[in-house]
Amino acid sequence: MKDSYSKQKIRQALLAPTIGEFDDVAAPISIRNDTHYPFGIKIGYDNGNAYGFDASSYRYIRHISVPFLNLTAQDDFIAGKPSRNKLGFCLSNPNIMHVETQCGGHLGWQENTPGNTFGASSWADVAVSDFFHAIMAVKKESFEKLTRETSPIAESKFDYPEPPVKFNREMEKSLTQVKINAMALTTKHLSKL
C-alpha cells in the first residue's frame, strides 16, 4: 500500500468520524477483500463468482422452518445489493423477518457515544436479543395454551386446586410491565434505524 491512492484511503479511514464511514473507506482496500493472488478465493472453485454462488444462502431460505431474523443495511457495499436482489426469497417464507436499515455499513450497526471513536457496542445485538426474547415468549405462551387444552392432567379425575387469584393478578401485572418495557426498548432501537 505504497501508492498514493491507498495512502489517501488510509488517511480518509483514520479521519472518519464514525465506524460506519471508517468501514466504507477501509474495506475496499483491505487485504481481506483483495481478489488477486495470494488472497483470491480459488480453492475448489473456478473463480470468485463460483465461490459467491456456493457461499450464498438464498437457495436455502425456503427450507427455514424456525423463526429467523435477517438484518441487512442499505449502505452495505458488499452484502447489501446481493441480499436486496434476493429479497423475494425471504418474503416468501413466513418464518423469516427481514429488517433493512438505511445505514449500518458492512455488517456493522455500531452505536457510538460522543467522544468515543472505537469500541462501541452494536445495537443490532440488542435487537437480535429482543427478537429471541419475543420468540421465546410466543413459544412459551403457545405451549402453555396447548398444554391447558390437551393436558391429560386436566382430563384426569384428580382435582387440582387453582392458583390463588392474587397470584394470577400479580403475574398479569408483572407480564404487562415486561411487555411495556419490551415495547419501550424496541421503540428506542427502532428509532435508530
C-alpha atoms as a PDB file:
ATOM      1  CA  MET A   1       0.000   0.000   0.000  1.00  0.00           C
ATOM      2  CA  LYS A   2       2.635   2.448  -1.019  1.00  0.00           C
ATOM      3  CA  ASP A   3       0.703   4.020  -3.880  1.00  0.00           C
ATOM      4  CA  SER A   4      -0.936   7.416  -3.386  1.00  0.00           C
ATOM      5  CA  TYR A   5      -4.490   6.046  -3.750  1.00  0.00           C
ATOM      6  CA  SER A   6      -4.031   3.589  -0.873  1.00  0.00           C
ATOM      7  CA  LYS A   7      -2.393   6.221   1.304  1.00  0.00           C
ATOM      8  CA  GLN A   8      -5.264   8.605   0.626  1.00  0.00           C
ATOM      9  CA  LYS A   9      -7.836   5.922   1.549  1.00  0.00           C
ATOM     10  CA  ILE A  10      -5.977   5.052   4.755  1.00  0.00           C
ATOM     11  CA  ARG A  11      -5.902   8.736   5.687  1.00  0.00           C
ATOM     12  CA  GLN A  12      -9.642   9.056   4.964  1.00  0.00           C
ATOM     13  CA  ALA A  13     -10.365   5.955   7.047  1.00  0.00           C
ATOM     14  CA  LEU A  14      -8.379   7.220  10.023  1.00  0.00           C
ATOM     15  CA  LEU A  15     -10.152  10.581   9.855  1.00  0.00           C
ATOM     16  CA  ALA A  16     -13.632   9.062   9.514  1.00  0.00           C
ATOM     17  CA  PRO A  17     -15.945  10.335  12.269  1.00  0.00           C
ATOM     18  CA  THR A  18     -17.909   7.063  12.593  1.00  0.00           C
ATOM     19  CA  ILE A  19     -17.117   3.379  12.427  1.00  0.00           C
ATOM     20  CA  GLY A  20     -19.524   3.015   9.503  1.00  0.00           C
ATOM     21  CA  GLU A  21     -17.619   5.587   7.462  1.00  0.00           C
ATOM     22  CA  PHE A  22     -14.321   4.001   8.531  1.00  0.00           C
ATOM     23  CA  ASP A  23     -15.576   0.647   7.243  1.00  0.00           C
ATOM     24  CA  ASP A  24     -16.855   2.171   3.997  1.00  0.00           C
ATOM     25  CA  VAL A  25     -13.431   3.658   3.252  1.00  0.00           C
ATOM     26  CA  ALA A  26     -11.168   0.887   4.595  1.00  0.00           C
ATOM     27  CA  ALA A  27     -12.926  -2.293   3.457  1.00  0.00           C
ATOM     28  CA  PRO A  28     -12.415  -1.890  -0.305  1.00  0.00           C
ATOM     29  CA  ILE A  29      -8.640  -1.504   0.111  1.00  0.00           C
ATOM     30  CA  SER A  30      -8.060  -4.085   2.846  1.00  0.00           C
ATOM     31  CA  ILE A  31      -6.327  -7.382   2.158  1.00  0.00           C
ATOM     32  CA  ARG A  32      -9.351  -9.481   3.069  1.00  0.00           C
ATOM     33  CA  ASN A  33     -11.222  -8.087   0.058  1.00  0.00           C
ATOM     34  CA  ASP A  34      -8.386  -8.485  -2.449  1.00  0.00           C
ATOM     35  CA  THR A  35      -9.360 -10.929  -5.190  1.00  0.00           C
ATOM     36  CA  HIS A  36      -5.817 -11.315  -6.524  1.00  0.00           C
ATOM     37  CA  TYR A  37      -3.159 -13.862  -5.578  1.00  0.00           C
ATOM     38  CA  PRO A  38      -2.375 -14.834  -2.855  1.00  0.00           C
ATOM     39  CA  PHE A  39      -5.607 -13.630  -1.274  1.00  0.00           C
ATOM     40  CA  GLY A  40      -8.021 -14.663  -4.009  1.00  0.00           C
ATOM     41  CA  ILE A  41     -10.537 -17.322  -3.051  1.00  0.00           C
ATOM     42  CA  LYS A  42      -9.939 -20.082  -5.547  1.00  0.00           C
ATOM     43  CA  ILE A  43      -9.584 -23.261  -3.532  1.00  0.00           C
ATOM     44  CA  GLY A  44     -12.013 -25.693  -5.143  1.00  0.00           C
ATOM     45  CA  TYR A  45     -13.675 -23.005  -7.302  1.00  0.00           C
ATOM     46  CA  ASP A  46     -13.070 -21.792 -10.833  1.00  0.00           C
ATOM     47  CA  ASN A  47     -13.499 -18.129  -9.928  1.00  0.00           C
ATOM     48  CA  GLY A  48     -14.887 -15.698  -7.377  1.00  0.00           C
ATOM     49  CA  ASN A  49     -18.401 -15.894  -8.825  1.00  0.00           C
ATOM     50  CA  ALA A  50     -18.492 -19.669  -8.332  1.00  0.00           C
ATOM     51  CA  TYR A  51     -17.384 -19.194  -4.733  1.00  0.00           C
ATOM     52  CA  GLY A  52     -20.017 -16.491  -4.185  1.00  0.00           C
ATOM     53  CA  PHE A  53     -22.764 -18.695  -5.607  1.00  0.00           C
ATOM     54  CA  ASP A  54     -21.764 -21.607  -3.378  1.00  0.00           C
ATOM     55  CA  ALA A  55     -21.414 -19.413  -0.286  1.00  0.00           C
ATOM     56  CA  SER A  56     -24.746 -17.634  -0.810  1.00  0.00           C
ATOM     57  CA  SER A  57     -27.558 -18.779   1.450  1.00  0.00           C
ATOM     58  CA  TYR A  58     -30.549 -17.603  -0.588  1.00  0.00           C
ATOM     59  CA  ARG A  59     -31.113 -21.098  -2.033  1.00  0.00           C
ATOM     60  CA  TYR A  60     -31.683 -22.481   1.465  1.00  0.00           C
ATOM     61  CA  ILE A  61     -34.023 -19.769   2.759  1.00  0.00           C
ATOM     62  CA  ARG A  62     -37.165 -21.570   1.608  1.00  0.00           C
ATOM     63  CA  HIS A  63     -36.238 -24.508   3.866  1.00  0.00           C
ATOM     64  CA  ILE A  64     -36.036 -22.454   7.085  1.00  0.00           C
ATOM     65  CA  SER A  65     -38.743 -23.769   9.402  1.00  0.00           C
ATOM     66  CA  VAL A  66     -37.994 -21.775  12.561  1.00  0.00           C
ATOM     67  CA  PRO A  67     -38.177 -18.029  13.258  1.00  0.00           C
ATOM     68  CA  PHE A  68     -35.262 -16.294  11.546  1.00  0.00           C
ATOM     69  CA  LEU A  69     -34.172 -12.647  11.633  1.00  0.00           C
ATOM     70  CA  ASN A  70     -32.429 -11.340   8.509  1.00  0.00           C
ATOM     71  CA  LEU A  71     -30.763  -7.989   9.235  1.00  0.00           C
ATOM     72  CA  THR A  72     -29.176  -6.004   6.369  1.00  0.00           C
ATOM     73  CA  ALA A  73     -28.153  -2.403   5.687  1.00  0.00           C
ATOM     74  CA  GLN A  74     -28.828  -0.425   2.514  1.00  0.00           C
ATOM     75  CA  ASP A  75     -25.326   1.038   2.583  1.00  0.00           C
ATOM     76  CA  ASP A  76     -23.593  -2.349   2.890  1.00  0.00           C
ATOM     77  CA  PHE A  77     -21.476  -2.277  -0.269  1.00  0.00           C
ATOM     78  CA  ILE A  78     -20.541  -5.968  -0.040  1.00  0.00           C
ATOM     79  CA  ALA A  79     -23.722  -7.792   1.012  1.00  0.00           C
ATOM     80  CA  GLY A  80     -26.330  -5.054   0.536  1.00  0.00           C
ATOM     81  CA  LYS A  81     -27.207  -5.301  -3.144  1.00  0.00           C
ATOM     82  CA  PRO A  82     -26.973  -9.094  -3.449  1.00  0.00           C
ATOM     83  CA  SER A  83     -29.277  -9.569  -0.457  1.00  0.00           C
ATOM     84  CA  ARG A  84     -31.745  -6.975  -1.784  1.00  0.00           C
ATOM     85  CA  ASN A  85     -31.838  -8.796  -5.132  1.00  0.00           C
ATOM     86  CA  LYS A  86     -32.865 -11.986  -3.327  1.00  0.00           C
ATOM     87  CA  LEU A  87     -35.446 -10.329  -1.037  1.00  0.00           C
ATOM     88  CA  GLY A  88     -38.293 -12.293  -2.647  1.00  0.00           C
ATOM     89  CA  PHE A  89     -36.894 -15.500  -1.180  1.00  0.00           C
ATOM     90  CA  CYS A  90     -37.138 -14.007   2.329  1.00  0.00           C
ATOM     91  CA  LEU A  91     -40.614 -12.582   1.835  1.00  0.00           C
ATOM     92  CA  SER A  92     -41.988 -15.891   0.545  1.00  0.00           C
ATOM     93  CA  ASN A  93     -41.125 -17.686   3.799  1.00  0.00           C
ATOM     94  CA  PRO A  94     -43.424 -16.813   6.751  1.00  0.00           C
ATOM     95  CA  ASN A  95     -40.713 -17.825   9.249  1.00  0.00           C
ATOM     96  CA  ILE A  96     -38.376 -15.031   8.168  1.00  0.00           C
ATOM     97  CA  MET A  97     -38.452 -11.459   9.400  1.00  0.00           C
ATOM     98  CA  HIS A  98     -36.408  -9.240   7.099  1.00  0.00           C
ATOM     99  CA  VAL A  99     -35.167  -5.918   8.509  1.00  0.00           C
ATOM    100  CA  GLU A 100     -33.283  -3.487   6.292  1.00  0.00           C
ATOM    101  CA  THR A 101     -31.753  -0.386   7.839  1.00  0.00           C
ATOM    102  CA  GLN A 102     -30.758   2.777   5.987  1.00  0.00           C
ATOM    103  CA  CYS A 103     -27.240   2.643   7.363  1.00  0.00           C
ATOM    104  CA  GLY A 104     -25.001   0.199   9.133  1.00  0.00           C
ATOM    105  CA  GLY A 105     -22.160  -0.418   6.735  1.00  0.00           C
ATOM    106  CA  HIS A 106     -20.912  -3.915   6.120  1.00  0.00           C
ATOM    107  CA  LEU A 107     -22.483  -5.860   8.983  1.00  0.00           C
ATOM    108  CA  GLY A 108     -21.723  -3.029  11.409  1.00  0.00           C
ATOM    109  CA  TRP A 109     -24.592  -1.248  13.159  1.00  0.00           C
ATOM    110  CA  GLN A 110     -22.335   0.288  15.773  1.00  0.00           C
ATOM    111  CA  GLU A 111     -23.620   2.752  18.323  1.00  0.00           C
ATOM    112  CA  ASN A 112     -21.085   5.384  19.087  1.00  0.00           C
ATOM    113  CA  THR A 113     -21.271   7.723  22.041  1.00  0.00           C
ATOM    114  CA  PRO A 114     -19.890  11.251  21.603  1.00  0.00           C
ATOM    115  CA  GLY A 115     -16.140  11.335  22.156  1.00  0.00           C
ATOM    116  CA  ASN A 116     -15.754   7.580  21.693  1.00  0.00           C
ATOM    117  CA  THR A 117     -14.352   6.746  18.274  1.00  0.00           C
ATOM    118  CA  PHE A 118     -13.904   3.000  18.590  1.00  0.00           C
ATOM    119  CA  GLY A 119     -15.105   0.212  20.830  1.00  0.00           C
ATOM    120  CA  ALA A 120     -18.828   0.964  20.839  1.00  0.00           C
ATOM    121  CA  SER A 121     -21.322  -1.854  21.130  1.00  0.00           C
ATOM    122  CA  SER A 122     -23.622  -2.918  18.335  1.00  0.00           C
ATOM    123  CA  TRP A 123     -27.296  -2.045  18.738  1.00  0.00           C
ATOM    124  CA  ALA A 124     -28.021  -4.990  16.440  1.00  0.00           C
ATOM    125  CA  ASP A 125     -27.037  -7.311  19.308  1.00  0.00           C
ATOM    126  CA  VAL A 126     -29.809  -5.813  21.429  1.00  0.00           C
ATOM    127  CA  ALA A 127     -32.305  -6.016  18.547  1.00  0.00           C
ATOM    128  CA  VAL A 128     -31.472  -9.689  17.969  1.00  0.00           C
ATOM    129  CA  SER A 129     -31.753 -10.359  21.698  1.00  0.00           C
ATOM    130  CA  ASP A 130     -35.197  -8.694  21.719  1.00  0.00           C
ATOM    131  CA  PHE A 131     -36.188 -10.880  18.754  1.00  0.00           C
ATOM    132  CA  PHE A 132     -35.130 -14.046  20.602  1.00  0.00           C
ATOM    133  CA  HIS A 133     -36.973 -12.993  23.757  1.00  0.00           C
ATOM    134  CA  ALA A 134     -40.136 -12.315  21.738  1.00  0.00           C
ATOM    135  CA  ILE A 135     -39.892 -15.703  20.002  1.00  0.00           C
ATOM    136  CA  MET A 136     -39.397 -17.472  23.328  1.00  0.00           C
ATOM    137  CA  ALA A 137     -42.367 -15.621  24.869  1.00  0.00           C
ATOM    138  CA  VAL A 138     -44.631 -16.602  21.962  1.00  0.00           C
ATOM    139  CA  LYS A 139     -43.405 -20.195  22.119  1.00  0.00           C
ATOM    140  CA  LYS A 140     -43.986 -20.355  25.867  1.00  0.00           C
ATOM    141  CA  GLU A 141     -47.454 -18.833  25.518  1.00  0.00           C
ATOM    142  CA  SER A 142     -48.359 -21.292  22.734  1.00  0.00           C
ATOM    143  CA  PHE A 143     -47.021 -24.219  24.755  1.00  0.00           C
ATOM    144  CA  GLU A 144     -48.978 -23.190  27.848  1.00  0.00           C
ATOM    145  CA  LYS A 145     -52.173 -22.814  25.813  1.00  0.00           C
ATOM    146  CA  LEU A 146     -51.650 -26.187  24.145  1.00  0.00           C
ATOM    147  CA  THR A 147     -50.875 -27.810  27.495  1.00  0.00           C
ATOM    148  CA  ARG A 148     -54.041 -26.378  29.057  1.00  0.00           C
ATOM    149  CA  GLU A 149     -56.169 -27.622  26.155  1.00  0.00           C
ATOM    150  CA  THR A 150     -54.693 -31.109  25.737  1.00  0.00           C
ATOM    151  CA  SER A 151     -53.214 -31.913  29.121  1.00  0.00           C
ATOM    152  CA  PRO A 152     -54.118 -35.399  30.395  1.00  0.00           C
ATOM    153  CA  ILE A 153     -53.971 -33.943  33.897  1.00  0.00           C
ATOM    154  CA  ALA A 154     -56.791 -31.548  33.031  1.00  0.00           C
ATOM    155  CA  GLU A 155     -58.912 -34.524  31.960  1.00  0.00           C
ATOM    156  CA  SER A 156     -57.987 -36.699  34.921  1.00  0.00           C
ATOM    157  CA  LYS A 157     -60.256 -37.460  37.854  1.00  0.00           C
ATOM    158  CA  PHE A 158     -57.912 -35.637  40.233  1.00  0.00           C
ATOM    159  CA  ASP A 159     -58.969 -32.155  41.168  1.00  0.00           C
ATOM    160  CA  TYR A 160     -56.003 -29.836  41.467  1.00  0.00           C
ATOM    161  CA  PRO A 161     -56.537 -26.505  43.190  1.00  0.00           C
ATOM    162  CA  GLU A 162     -56.382 -23.394  41.031  1.00  0.00           C
ATOM    163  CA  PRO A 163     -53.665 -20.867  41.874  1.00  0.00           C
ATOM    164  CA  PRO A 164     -54.865 -18.071  44.112  1.00  0.00           C
ATOM    165  CA  VAL A 165     -56.472 -15.091  42.367  1.00  0.00           C
ATOM    166  CA  LYS A 166     -53.896 -12.796  43.948  1.00  0.00           C
ATOM    167  CA  PHE A 167     -51.100 -14.797  42.290  1.00  0.00           C
ATOM    168  CA  ASN A 168     -52.801 -14.525  38.863  1.00  0.00           C
ATOM    169  CA  ARG A 169     -53.231 -10.756  39.227  1.00  0.00           C
ATOM    170  CA  GLU A 170     -49.608 -10.302  40.287  1.00  0.00           C
ATOM    171  CA  MET A 171     -48.436 -12.439  37.383  1.00  0.00           C
ATOM    172  CA  GLU A 172     -50.611 -10.484  34.939  1.00  0.00           C
ATOM    173  CA  LYS A 173     -49.330  -7.188  36.339  1.00  0.00           C
ATOM    174  CA  SER A 174     -45.729  -8.400  36.035  1.00  0.00           C
ATOM    175  CA  LEU A 175     -46.295  -9.616  32.469  1.00  0.00           C
ATOM    176  CA  THR A 176     -47.848  -6.283  31.490  1.00  0.00           C
ATOM    177  CA  GLN A 177     -44.811  -4.454  32.857  1.00  0.00           C
ATOM    178  CA  VAL A 178     -42.471  -6.741  30.887  1.00  0.00           C
ATOM    179  CA  LYS A 179     -44.433  -6.019  27.692  1.00  0.00           C
ATOM    180  CA  ILE A 180     -44.286  -2.263  28.345  1.00  0.00           C
ATOM    181  CA  ASN A 181     -40.518  -2.448  28.914  1.00  0.00           C
ATOM    182  CA  ALA A 182     -40.047  -4.547  25.762  1.00  0.00           C
ATOM    183  CA  MET A 183     -42.043  -2.105  23.645  1.00  0.00           C
ATOM    184  CA  ALA A 184     -40.097   0.860  25.047  1.00  0.00           C
ATOM    185  CA  LEU A 185     -36.776  -0.876  24.362  1.00  0.00           C
ATOM    186  CA  THR A 186     -37.863  -1.901  20.854  1.00  0.00           C
ATOM    187  CA  THR A 187     -39.128   1.600  20.077  1.00  0.00           C
ATOM    188  CA  LYS A 188     -35.842   3.048  21.319  1.00  0.00           C
ATOM    189  CA  HIS A 189     -33.831   0.809  18.996  1.00  0.00           C
ATOM    190  CA  LEU A 190     -36.202   1.133  16.033  1.00  0.00           C
ATOM    191  CA  SER A 191     -35.731   4.880  16.159  1.00  0.00           C
ATOM    192  CA  LYS A 192     -32.069   4.291  15.272  1.00  0.00           C
ATOM    193  CA  LEU A 193     -32.966   2.506  12.029  1.00  0.00           C
END
